[in-house]
C-alpha atoms as a PDB file:
ATOM      1  CA  MET A   1      22.979   1.598  -1.288  1.00  0.00           C
ATOM      2  CA  PHE A   2      21.528   1.758   2.238  1.00  0.00           C
ATOM      3  CA  SER A   3      22.180   4.010   5.215  1.00  0.00           C
ATOM      4  CA  GLU A   4      20.312   4.091   8.536  1.00  0.00           C
ATOM      5  CA  ARG A   5      17.928   7.012   8.886  1.00  0.00           C
ATOM      6  CA  THR A   6      17.804   9.144  12.007  1.00  0.00           C
ATOM      7  CA  LEU A   7      14.283   9.351  13.431  1.00  0.00           C
ATOM      8  CA  ASN A   8      12.796  12.247  15.329  1.00  0.00           C
ATOM      9  CA  GLU A   9      11.164  11.727  18.716  1.00  0.00           C
ATOM     10  CA  GLU A  10       7.609  11.168  17.418  1.00  0.00           C
ATOM     11  CA  VAL A  11       8.590   8.660  14.717  1.00  0.00           C
ATOM     12  CA  ALA A  12      10.881   6.846  17.129  1.00  0.00           C
ATOM     13  CA  ALA A  13       7.954   6.542  19.538  1.00  0.00           C
ATOM     14  CA  VAL A  14       5.774   5.082  16.789  1.00  0.00           C
ATOM     15  CA  ARG A  15       8.491   2.544  16.017  1.00  0.00           C
ATOM     16  CA  GLU A  16       8.765   1.599  19.680  1.00  0.00           C
ATOM     17  CA  ALA A  17       4.992   1.090  19.874  1.00  0.00           C
ATOM     18  CA  HIS A  18       4.457  -0.847  16.656  1.00  0.00           C
ATOM     19  CA  ALA A  19       7.681  -2.271  15.255  1.00  0.00           C
ATOM     20  CA  PRO A  20      10.397  -1.852  17.912  1.00  0.00           C
ATOM     21  CA  ASP A  21      12.979  -3.951  16.094  1.00  0.00           C
ATOM     22  CA  ALA A  22      12.452  -2.389  12.664  1.00  0.00           C
ATOM     23  CA  VAL A  23      15.293  -0.501  11.015  1.00  0.00           C
ATOM     24  CA  VAL A  24      14.588   2.540   8.816  1.00  0.00           C
ATOM     25  CA  LEU A  25      17.004   2.918   5.911  1.00  0.00           C
ATOM     26  CA  ASP A  26      17.509   5.573   3.250  1.00  0.00           C
ATOM     27  CA  THR A  27      18.198   4.112  -0.194  1.00  0.00           C
ATOM     28  CA  ALA A  28      20.767   5.599  -2.571  1.00  0.00           C
ATOM     29  CA  ARG A  29      18.494   5.291  -5.586  1.00  0.00           C
ATOM     30  CA  ASN A  30      14.861   4.872  -6.466  1.00  0.00           C
ATOM     31  CA  PHE A  31      13.484   1.456  -7.257  1.00  0.00           C
ATOM     32  CA  GLU A  32      10.279  -0.413  -7.839  1.00  0.00           C
ATOM     33  CA  THR A  33      11.614  -3.913  -7.234  1.00  0.00           C
ATOM     34  CA  LEU A  34      15.169  -4.314  -5.962  1.00  0.00           C
ATOM     35  CA  ASP A  35      17.489  -6.168  -8.261  1.00  0.00           C
ATOM     36  CA  PRO A  36      18.513  -9.509  -6.753  1.00  0.00           C
ATOM     37  CA  ALA A  37      22.085  -8.308  -6.214  1.00  0.00           C
ATOM     38  CA  VAL A  38      20.876  -5.209  -4.358  1.00  0.00           C
ATOM     39  CA  ALA A  39      18.370  -7.264  -2.363  1.00  0.00           C
ATOM     40  CA  GLU A  40      21.279  -9.413  -1.275  1.00  0.00           C
ATOM     41  CA  GLN A  41      23.035  -6.259   0.048  1.00  0.00           C
ATOM     42  CA  LEU A  42      19.928  -5.602   2.104  1.00  0.00           C
ATOM     43  CA  GLY A  43      19.990  -9.185   3.306  1.00  0.00           C
ATOM     44  CA  LEU A  44      23.523  -8.753   4.575  1.00  0.00           C
ATOM     45  CA  ARG A  45      22.168  -6.207   7.070  1.00  0.00           C
ATOM     46  CA  ALA A  46      19.649  -8.705   8.419  1.00  0.00           C
ATOM     47  CA  ASP A  47      20.076 -11.374  11.057  1.00  0.00           C
ATOM     48  CA  ALA A  48      17.893 -13.715   9.009  1.00  0.00           C
ATOM     49  CA  ILE A  49      15.972 -13.795   5.725  1.00  0.00           C
ATOM     50  CA  SER A  50      12.686 -15.595   5.091  1.00  0.00           C
ATOM     51  CA  PRO A  51      11.796 -14.937   1.442  1.00  0.00           C
ATOM     52  CA  LEU A  52       8.106 -14.891   0.620  1.00  0.00           C
ATOM     53  CA  GLU A  53       6.693 -17.866  -1.192  1.00  0.00           C
ATOM     54  CA  TYR A  54       3.681 -17.316  -3.432  1.00  0.00           C
ATOM     55  CA  ASP A  55       1.961 -20.093  -5.355  1.00  0.00           C
ATOM     56  CA  PRO A  56       2.657 -19.560  -9.098  1.00  0.00           C
ATOM     57  CA  THR A  57      -0.918 -20.739  -9.848  1.00  0.00           C
ATOM     58  CA  TRP A  58      -2.166 -17.490  -8.272  1.00  0.00           C
ATOM     59  CA  VAL A  59      -0.697 -15.530 -11.185  1.00  0.00           C
ATOM     60  CA  PRO A  60      -2.537 -15.500 -14.541  1.00  0.00           C
ATOM     61  CA  ALA A  61      -0.307 -16.236 -17.527  1.00  0.00           C
ATOM     62  CA  ASP A  62      -0.798 -12.730 -18.946  1.00  0.00           C
ATOM     63  CA  ALA A  63      -0.102 -10.904 -15.672  1.00  0.00           C
ATOM     64  CA  PRO A  64       2.723  -8.361 -15.534  1.00  0.00           C
ATOM     65  CA  GLU A  65       6.196  -9.852 -15.242  1.00  0.00           C
ATOM     66  CA  VAL A  66       6.649  -8.474 -11.716  1.00  0.00           C
ATOM     67  CA  LEU A  67       3.926 -10.794 -10.439  1.00  0.00           C
ATOM     68  CA  HIS A  68       5.626 -13.793 -11.988  1.00  0.00           C
ATOM     69  CA  ARG A  69       8.858 -12.674 -10.280  1.00  0.00           C
ATOM     70  CA  LEU A  70       7.087 -12.378  -6.937  1.00  0.00           C
ATOM     71  CA  ALA A  71       5.834 -15.939  -7.343  1.00  0.00           C
ATOM     72  CA  GLY A  72       9.349 -17.138  -8.165  1.00  0.00           C
ATOM     73  CA  ASP A  73      12.070 -18.175  -5.779  1.00  0.00           C
ATOM     74  CA  GLU A  74      14.096 -14.925  -5.772  1.00  0.00           C
ATOM     75  CA  PHE A  75      14.362 -12.735  -2.667  1.00  0.00           C
ATOM     76  CA  THR A  76      12.179  -9.890  -3.980  1.00  0.00           C
ATOM     77  CA  VAL A  77      11.623  -6.587  -2.190  1.00  0.00           C
ATOM     78  CA  GLY A  78       9.320  -3.890  -3.455  1.00  0.00           C
ATOM     79  CA  ALA A  79       6.933  -3.662  -6.393  1.00  0.00           C
ATOM     80  CA  PRO A  80       5.437  -1.019  -8.689  1.00  0.00           C
ATOM     81  CA  GLY A  81       2.981   1.136  -6.780  1.00  0.00           C
ATOM     82  CA  ASP A  82       4.845   0.994  -3.446  1.00  0.00           C
ATOM     83  CA  GLY A  83       5.494   4.756  -3.457  1.00  0.00           C
ATOM     84  CA  GLY A  84       8.307   6.639  -1.791  1.00  0.00           C
ATOM     85  CA  VAL A  85       8.418   4.432   1.335  1.00  0.00           C
ATOM     86  CA  THR A  86       8.119   0.676   1.427  1.00  0.00           C
ATOM     87  CA  TRP A  87       8.788  -2.030   3.978  1.00  0.00           C
ATOM     88  CA  THR A  88       9.546  -5.690   4.268  1.00  0.00           C
ATOM     89  CA  HIS A  89       9.334  -8.213   7.053  1.00  0.00           C
ATOM     90  CA  GLN A  90      10.972 -10.925   4.965  1.00  0.00           C
ATOM     91  CA  THR A  91      14.014  -9.942   7.035  1.00  0.00           C
ATOM     92  CA  ASP A  92      14.737 -10.082  10.729  1.00  0.00           C
ATOM     93  CA  PRO A  93      14.644  -7.255  11.685  1.00  0.00           C
ATOM     94  CA  ALA A  94      12.022  -5.722   9.420  1.00  0.00           C
ATOM     95  CA  PHE A  95      13.251  -2.896   7.184  1.00  0.00           C
ATOM     96  CA  VAL A  96      11.494   0.314   6.184  1.00  0.00           C
ATOM     97  CA  LEU A  97      13.044   1.806   3.025  1.00  0.00           C
ATOM     98  CA  VAL A  98      12.879   5.516   2.192  1.00  0.00           C
ATOM     99  CA  LYS A  99      13.522   6.325  -1.454  1.00  0.00           C
ATOM    100  CA  PRO A 100      15.214   9.475  -2.760  1.00  0.00           C
ATOM    101  CA  ARG A 101      12.147  10.304  -4.898  1.00  0.00           C
ATOM    102  CA  LEU A 102      10.850  11.963  -1.763  1.00  0.00           C
ATOM    103  CA  GLU A 103      13.596  14.593  -1.831  1.00  0.00           C
ATOM    104  CA  GLY A 104      11.971  18.004  -1.933  1.00  0.00           C
ATOM    105  CA  SER A 105       8.891  16.829  -0.042  1.00  0.00           C
ATOM    106  CA  PRO A 106       8.281  18.525   3.337  1.00  0.00           C
ATOM    107  CA  ALA A 107      10.192  16.779   6.078  1.00  0.00           C
ATOM    108  CA  SER A 108       7.038  16.580   8.170  1.00  0.00           C
ATOM    109  CA  PHE A 109       5.246  14.671   5.433  1.00  0.00           C
ATOM    110  CA  ILE A 110       8.155  12.262   5.009  1.00  0.00           C
ATOM    111  CA  ARG A 111       8.068  11.613   8.724  1.00  0.00           C
ATOM    112  CA  PHE A 112       4.367  10.761   8.442  1.00  0.00           C
ATOM    113  CA  LEU A 113       5.033   8.295   5.596  1.00  0.00           C
ATOM    114  CA  VAL A 114       7.799   6.614   7.586  1.00  0.00           C
ATOM    115  CA  ALA A 115       5.582   6.419  10.679  1.00  0.00           C
ATOM    116  CA  ALA A 116       2.728   4.958   8.640  1.00  0.00           C
ATOM    117  CA  ALA A 117       5.085   2.348   7.185  1.00  0.00           C
ATOM    118  CA  LEU A 118       6.241   1.427  10.693  1.00  0.00           C
ATOM    119  CA  VAL A 119       2.644   0.905  11.750  1.00  0.00           C
ATOM    120  CA  GLU A 120       2.066  -1.372   8.725  1.00  0.00           C
ATOM    121  CA  ALA A 121       5.313  -3.236   9.271  1.00  0.00           C
ATOM    122  CA  GLY A 122       4.213  -4.002  12.819  1.00  0.00           C
ATOM    123  CA  THR A 123       1.032  -5.777  11.649  1.00  0.00           C
ATOM    124  CA  ASP A 124       0.576  -9.183  10.125  1.00  0.00           C
ATOM    125  CA  LEU A 125      -0.522  -7.601   6.830  1.00  0.00           C
ATOM    126  CA  PRO A 126       1.149  -9.050   3.739  1.00  0.00           C
ATOM    127  CA  GLU A 127       3.602  -6.687   2.107  1.00  0.00           C
ATOM    128  CA  HIS A 128       2.089  -7.049  -1.371  1.00  0.00           C
ATOM    129  CA  PHE A 129      -1.406  -7.484  -2.727  1.00  0.00           C
ATOM    130  CA  LEU A 130      -0.546 -10.911  -4.130  1.00  0.00           C
ATOM    131  CA  GLY A 131      -0.201 -12.136  -0.557  1.00  0.00           C
ATOM    132  CA  PHE A 132      -3.540 -10.542   0.244  1.00  0.00           C
ATOM    133  CA  PHE A 133      -5.541 -11.921  -2.698  1.00  0.00           C
ATOM    134  CA  GLY A 134      -3.706 -15.226  -2.930  1.00  0.00           C
ATOM    135  CA  GLU A 135      -5.696 -17.858  -4.778  1.00  0.00           C
ATOM    136  CA  THR A 136      -8.509 -15.335  -5.416  1.00  0.00           C
ATOM    137  CA  TYR A 137      -6.351 -13.097  -7.639  1.00  0.00           C
ATOM    138  CA  PRO A 138      -7.351 -14.986 -10.850  1.00  0.00           C
ATOM    139  CA  ASP A 139     -10.973 -14.463  -9.778  1.00  0.00           C
ATOM    140  CA  LEU A 140     -10.368 -10.724  -9.515  1.00  0.00           C
ATOM    141  CA  ALA A 141      -8.734 -10.686 -12.939  1.00  0.00           C
ATOM    142  CA  ALA A 142     -11.666 -12.635 -14.388  1.00  0.00           C
ATOM    143  CA  ALA A 143     -14.154 -10.197 -12.818  1.00  0.00           C
ATOM    144  CA  THR A 144     -12.748  -7.168 -14.649  1.00  0.00           C
ATOM    145  CA  PRO A 145     -12.610  -6.204 -18.334  1.00  0.00           C
ATOM    146  CA  LEU A 146      -9.336  -4.426 -17.635  1.00  0.00           C
ATOM    147  CA  SER A 147      -5.927  -5.103 -19.159  1.00  0.00           C
ATOM    148  CA  PRO A 148      -3.484  -7.156 -17.041  1.00  0.00           C
ATOM    149  CA  ALA A 149      -1.599  -3.961 -16.167  1.00  0.00           C
ATOM    150  CA  ASP A 150      -4.770  -2.145 -15.108  1.00  0.00           C
ATOM    151  CA  THR A 151      -5.894  -5.193 -13.130  1.00  0.00           C
ATOM    152  CA  TYR A 152      -2.553  -5.019 -11.312  1.00  0.00           C
ATOM    153  CA  GLN A 153      -3.172  -1.310 -10.556  1.00  0.00           C
ATOM    154  CA  LEU A 154      -6.711  -2.063  -9.358  1.00  0.00           C
ATOM    155  CA  ALA A 155      -5.571  -4.941  -7.137  1.00  0.00           C
ATOM    156  CA  ASN A 156      -2.883  -2.750  -5.602  1.00  0.00           C
ATOM    157  CA  ALA A 157      -5.469  -0.043  -4.943  1.00  0.00           C
ATOM    158  CA  LEU A 158      -7.911  -2.499  -3.388  1.00  0.00           C
ATOM    159  CA  TYR A 159      -5.207  -3.751  -1.079  1.00  0.00           C
ATOM    160  CA  GLU A 160      -4.241  -0.188  -0.127  1.00  0.00           C
ATOM    161  CA  ALA A 161      -7.875   0.407   0.870  1.00  0.00           C
ATOM    162  CA  TYR A 162      -7.751  -2.682   3.055  1.00  0.00           C
ATOM    163  CA  VAL A 163      -4.502  -1.496   4.671  1.00  0.00           C
ATOM    164  CA  GLY A 164      -6.160   1.849   5.270  1.00  0.00           C
ATOM    165  CA  LEU A 165      -9.110   0.191   6.980  1.00  0.00           C
ATOM    166  CA  THR A 166      -6.749  -1.800   9.156  1.00  0.00           C
ATOM    167  CA  THR A 167      -4.469   1.059  10.276  1.00  0.00           C
ATOM    168  CA  ARG A 168      -6.380   4.323  10.268  1.00  0.00           C
ATOM    169  CA  GLU A 169      -7.659   3.926  13.845  1.00  0.00           C
ATOM    170  CA  THR A 170      -4.015   4.257  14.903  1.00  0.00           C
ATOM    171  CA  PHE A 171      -3.707   7.517  12.954  1.00  0.00           C
ATOM    172  CA  THR A 172      -6.795   8.978  14.633  1.00  0.00           C
ATOM    173  CA  GLU A 173      -5.235   8.199  18.026  1.00  0.00           C
ATOM    174  CA  TRP A 174      -2.145  10.223  17.163  1.00  0.00           C
ATOM    175  CA  ALA A 175      -4.067  13.434  17.852  1.00  0.00           C
ATOM    176  CA  GLY A 176      -3.121  13.186  21.508  1.00  0.00           C
ATOM    177  CA  ASP A 177       0.302  11.511  21.489  1.00  0.00           C
ATOM    178  CA  HIS A 178       1.823  12.545  18.169  1.00  0.00           C
ATOM    179  CA  PRO A 179       0.159  15.805  17.094  1.00  0.00           C
ATOM    180  CA  SER A 180       2.583  16.624  14.255  1.00  0.00           C
ATOM    181  CA  LEU A 181       2.091  13.232  12.685  1.00  0.00           C
ATOM    182  CA  HIS A 182      -1.688  13.485  13.155  1.00  0.00           C
ATOM    183  CA  GLU A 183      -1.655  16.903  11.491  1.00  0.00           C
ATOM    184  CA  GLN A 184       0.068  15.422   8.446  1.00  0.00           C
ATOM    185  CA  TRP A 185      -2.464  12.602   8.268  1.00  0.00           C
ATOM    186  CA  VAL A 186      -5.320  15.116   8.336  1.00  0.00           C
ATOM    187  CA  ASP A 187      -3.588  17.371   5.803  1.00  0.00           C
ATOM    188  CA  ALA A 188      -2.992  14.477   3.392  1.00  0.00           C
ATOM    189  CA  GLY A 189      -6.707  13.608   3.569  1.00  0.00           C
ATOM    190  CA  ASP A 190      -7.714  17.239   3.004  1.00  0.00           C
ATOM    191  CA  ARG A 191      -5.507  17.403  -0.125  1.00  0.00           C
ATOM    192  CA  LEU A 192      -7.372  14.408  -1.533  1.00  0.00           C
ATOM    193  CA  ARG A 193     -10.812  16.002  -1.221  1.00  0.00           C
ATOM    194  CA  PRO A 194     -10.817  18.120  -4.394  1.00  0.00           C
ATOM    195  CA  ARG A 195      -9.350  15.240  -6.382  1.00  0.00           C
ATOM    196  CA  LEU A 196     -12.235  12.987  -5.308  1.00  0.00           C
ATOM    197  CA  ASP A 197     -14.881  15.524  -6.328  1.00  0.00           C
ATOM    198  CA  GLY A 198     -16.314  14.514  -9.664  1.00  0.00           C
ATOM    199  CA  LEU A 199     -14.301  11.317  -9.827  1.00  0.00           C
ATOM    200  CA  SER A 200     -17.355   9.172 -10.614  1.00  0.00           C
ATOM    201  CA  ARG A 201     -18.244  11.492 -13.534  1.00  0.00           C
ATOM    202  CA  GLU A 202     -14.650  11.375 -14.805  1.00  0.00           C
ATOM    203  CA  VAL A 203     -14.794   7.550 -14.893  1.00  0.00           C
ATOM    204  CA  ALA A 204     -18.186   7.613 -16.613  1.00  0.00           C
ATOM    205  CA  THR A 205     -16.882   9.999 -19.313  1.00  0.00           C
ATOM    206  CA  SER A 206     -13.521   8.190 -19.638  1.00  0.00           C
ATOM    207  CA  GLU A 207     -11.609  11.282 -18.516  1.00  0.00           C
ATOM    208  CA  THR A 208      -9.979   9.077 -15.879  1.00  0.00           C
ATOM    209  CA  SER A 209      -9.433   5.358 -16.247  1.00  0.00           C
ATOM    210  CA  PHE A 210     -11.126   3.058 -13.735  1.00  0.00           C
ATOM    211  CA  ALA A 211      -7.781   1.835 -12.393  1.00  0.00           C
ATOM    212  CA  GLU A 212      -6.484   5.365 -11.898  1.00  0.00           C
ATOM    213  CA  ALA A 213      -9.694   6.373 -10.138  1.00  0.00           C
ATOM    214  CA  ALA A 214      -9.465   3.309  -7.900  1.00  0.00           C
ATOM    215  CA  GLU A 215      -5.902   4.201  -6.957  1.00  0.00           C
ATOM    216  CA  LEU A 216      -6.960   7.699  -5.910  1.00  0.00           C
ATOM    217  CA  ALA A 217     -10.155   6.711  -4.098  1.00  0.00           C
ATOM    218  CA  CYS A 218      -8.571   3.777  -2.260  1.00  0.00           C
ATOM    219  CA  ALA A 219      -5.709   5.974  -1.050  1.00  0.00           C
ATOM    220  CA  ALA A 220      -8.369   8.092   0.643  1.00  0.00           C
ATOM    221  CA  VAL A 221      -9.611   5.192   2.765  1.00  0.00           C
ATOM    222  CA  ARG A 222      -6.633   5.706   5.081  1.00  0.00           C
ATOM    223  CA  HIS A 223      -7.956   9.219   5.783  1.00  0.00           C
ATOM    224  CA  ALA A 224     -11.717   8.606   5.709  1.00  0.00           C
ATOM    225  CA  SER A 225     -12.437   9.373   9.335  1.00  0.00           C
ATOM    226  CA  GLU A 226     -15.572  11.162  10.562  1.00  0.00           C
ATOM    227  CA  ASP A 227     -14.160  14.504   9.383  1.00  0.00           C
ATOM    228  CA  GLY A 228     -12.076  13.074   6.546  1.00  0.00           C
ATOM    229  CA  PRO A 229     -12.692  12.827   2.794  1.00  0.00           C
ATOM    230  CA  THR A 230     -15.790  11.066   1.453  1.00  0.00           C
ATOM    231  CA  LEU A 231     -15.292   8.319  -1.130  1.00  0.00           C
ATOM    232  CA  PRO A 232     -17.345   8.517  -4.310  1.00  0.00           C
ATOM    233  CA  THR A 233     -19.427   5.740  -5.851  1.00  0.00           C
ATOM    234  CA  PRO A 234     -18.593   2.860  -6.395  1.00  0.00           C
ATOM    235  CA  PHE A 235     -15.538   3.072  -4.110  1.00  0.00           C
ATOM    236  CA  ALA A 236     -17.496   4.025  -0.999  1.00  0.00           C
ATOM    237  CA  ALA A 237     -18.488   0.353  -0.708  1.00  0.00           C
ATOM    238  CA  LEU A 238     -14.843  -0.405   0.099  1.00  0.00           C
ATOM    239  CA  ASN A 239     -14.897   1.872   3.126  1.00  0.00           C
ATOM    240  CA  THR A 240     -16.908  -0.610   5.151  1.00  0.00           C
ATOM    241  CA  THR A 241     -16.707  -3.055   8.046  1.00  0.00           C
ATOM    242  CA  ALA A 242     -17.689  -5.788   5.590  1.00  0.00           C
ATOM    243  CA  TYR A 243     -14.485  -5.274   3.605  1.00  0.00           C
ATOM    244  CA  ARG A 244     -12.421  -5.163   6.774  1.00  0.00           C
ATOM    245  CA  HIS A 245     -13.907  -8.495   7.873  1.00  0.00           C
ATOM    246  CA  HIS A 246     -14.087 -10.390   4.570  1.00  0.00           C
ATOM    247  CA  GLY A 247     -11.038  -9.041   2.709  1.00  0.00           C
ATOM    248  CA  PRO A 248     -10.232 -10.443  -0.723  1.00  0.00           C
ATOM    249  CA  GLU A 249     -13.492 -12.307  -1.175  1.00  0.00           C
ATOM    250  CA  TYR A 250     -15.380  -9.069  -0.606  1.00  0.00           C
ATOM    251  CA  ALA A 251     -13.087  -7.249  -3.068  1.00  0.00           C
ATOM    252  CA  VAL A 252     -13.749  -9.795  -5.791  1.00  0.00           C
ATOM    253  CA  GLU A 253     -17.482  -9.618  -5.221  1.00  0.00           C
ATOM    254  CA  TRP A 254     -17.303  -5.813  -5.305  1.00  0.00           C
ATOM    255  CA  ALA A 255     -15.444  -5.946  -8.632  1.00  0.00           C
ATOM    256  CA  GLU A 256     -17.994  -8.331 -10.126  1.00  0.00           C
ATOM    257  CA  LYS A 257     -20.945  -6.169  -9.146  1.00  0.00           C
ATOM    258  CA  THR A 258     -19.207  -2.922 -10.099  1.00  0.00           C
ATOM    259  CA  PHE A 259     -18.264  -3.952 -13.608  1.00  0.00           C
ATOM    260  CA  GLU A 260     -21.673  -5.514 -14.211  1.00  0.00           C
ATOM    261  CA  LYS A 261     -23.228  -2.110 -13.511  1.00  0.00           C
ATOM    262  CA  LEU A 262     -20.658  -0.327 -15.741  1.00  0.00           C
ATOM    263  CA  ASP A 263     -21.415  -2.559 -18.742  1.00  0.00           C
END
């Protein structure tokens, strides 16, 4: 199921700088959440396992099943919305997992995704939005008129915006030390620009759901440097120092105000 991935010089340097003990693995098949038996195979590669423990009271009764699983006592790795590369530091060493869904993507872009995951794995960020929102997740759910599934998608997007705020300074610094990775970061941001144009109108006319718009706009936070993409209303309020400093409480307040205006 897992095989160690060979890293090029730039990505290896990023690992050394941010997560020197992390191991990057290719996975034999795609997944959202690893089955317990497969997660155990991953655990066999680790020196130690420290499964996450989430308080079940953080999860509303009608939340998607995956959240209830995360709050259970299983060793759970990955979740819907993780994309083609995910990571876990429930293991020692930390693992970065590259999924086969990325086959066909440019190698340079895959290297950027792996490097970005190594940066994240080297922080103290939680590996899932439930760890970020914690006891405030029911407040977020109560603040939105969305379905439980769309609330999940929104929460994941809000957390991705926070991760972007936390890590993008590193990406801007790659211009000097890791030019190929920096180029991919810039290119990914440029490709988001046309998708952001008119996004507020699409939400207002129901052409795009709010949760889908949030997913797109919040992904752009990682790239929203001085020359990067501009976030549309109401998502621009997430690209702020206030969100970086106040985290989940700010996100809940943002959701409350946003949906009050949309009513």
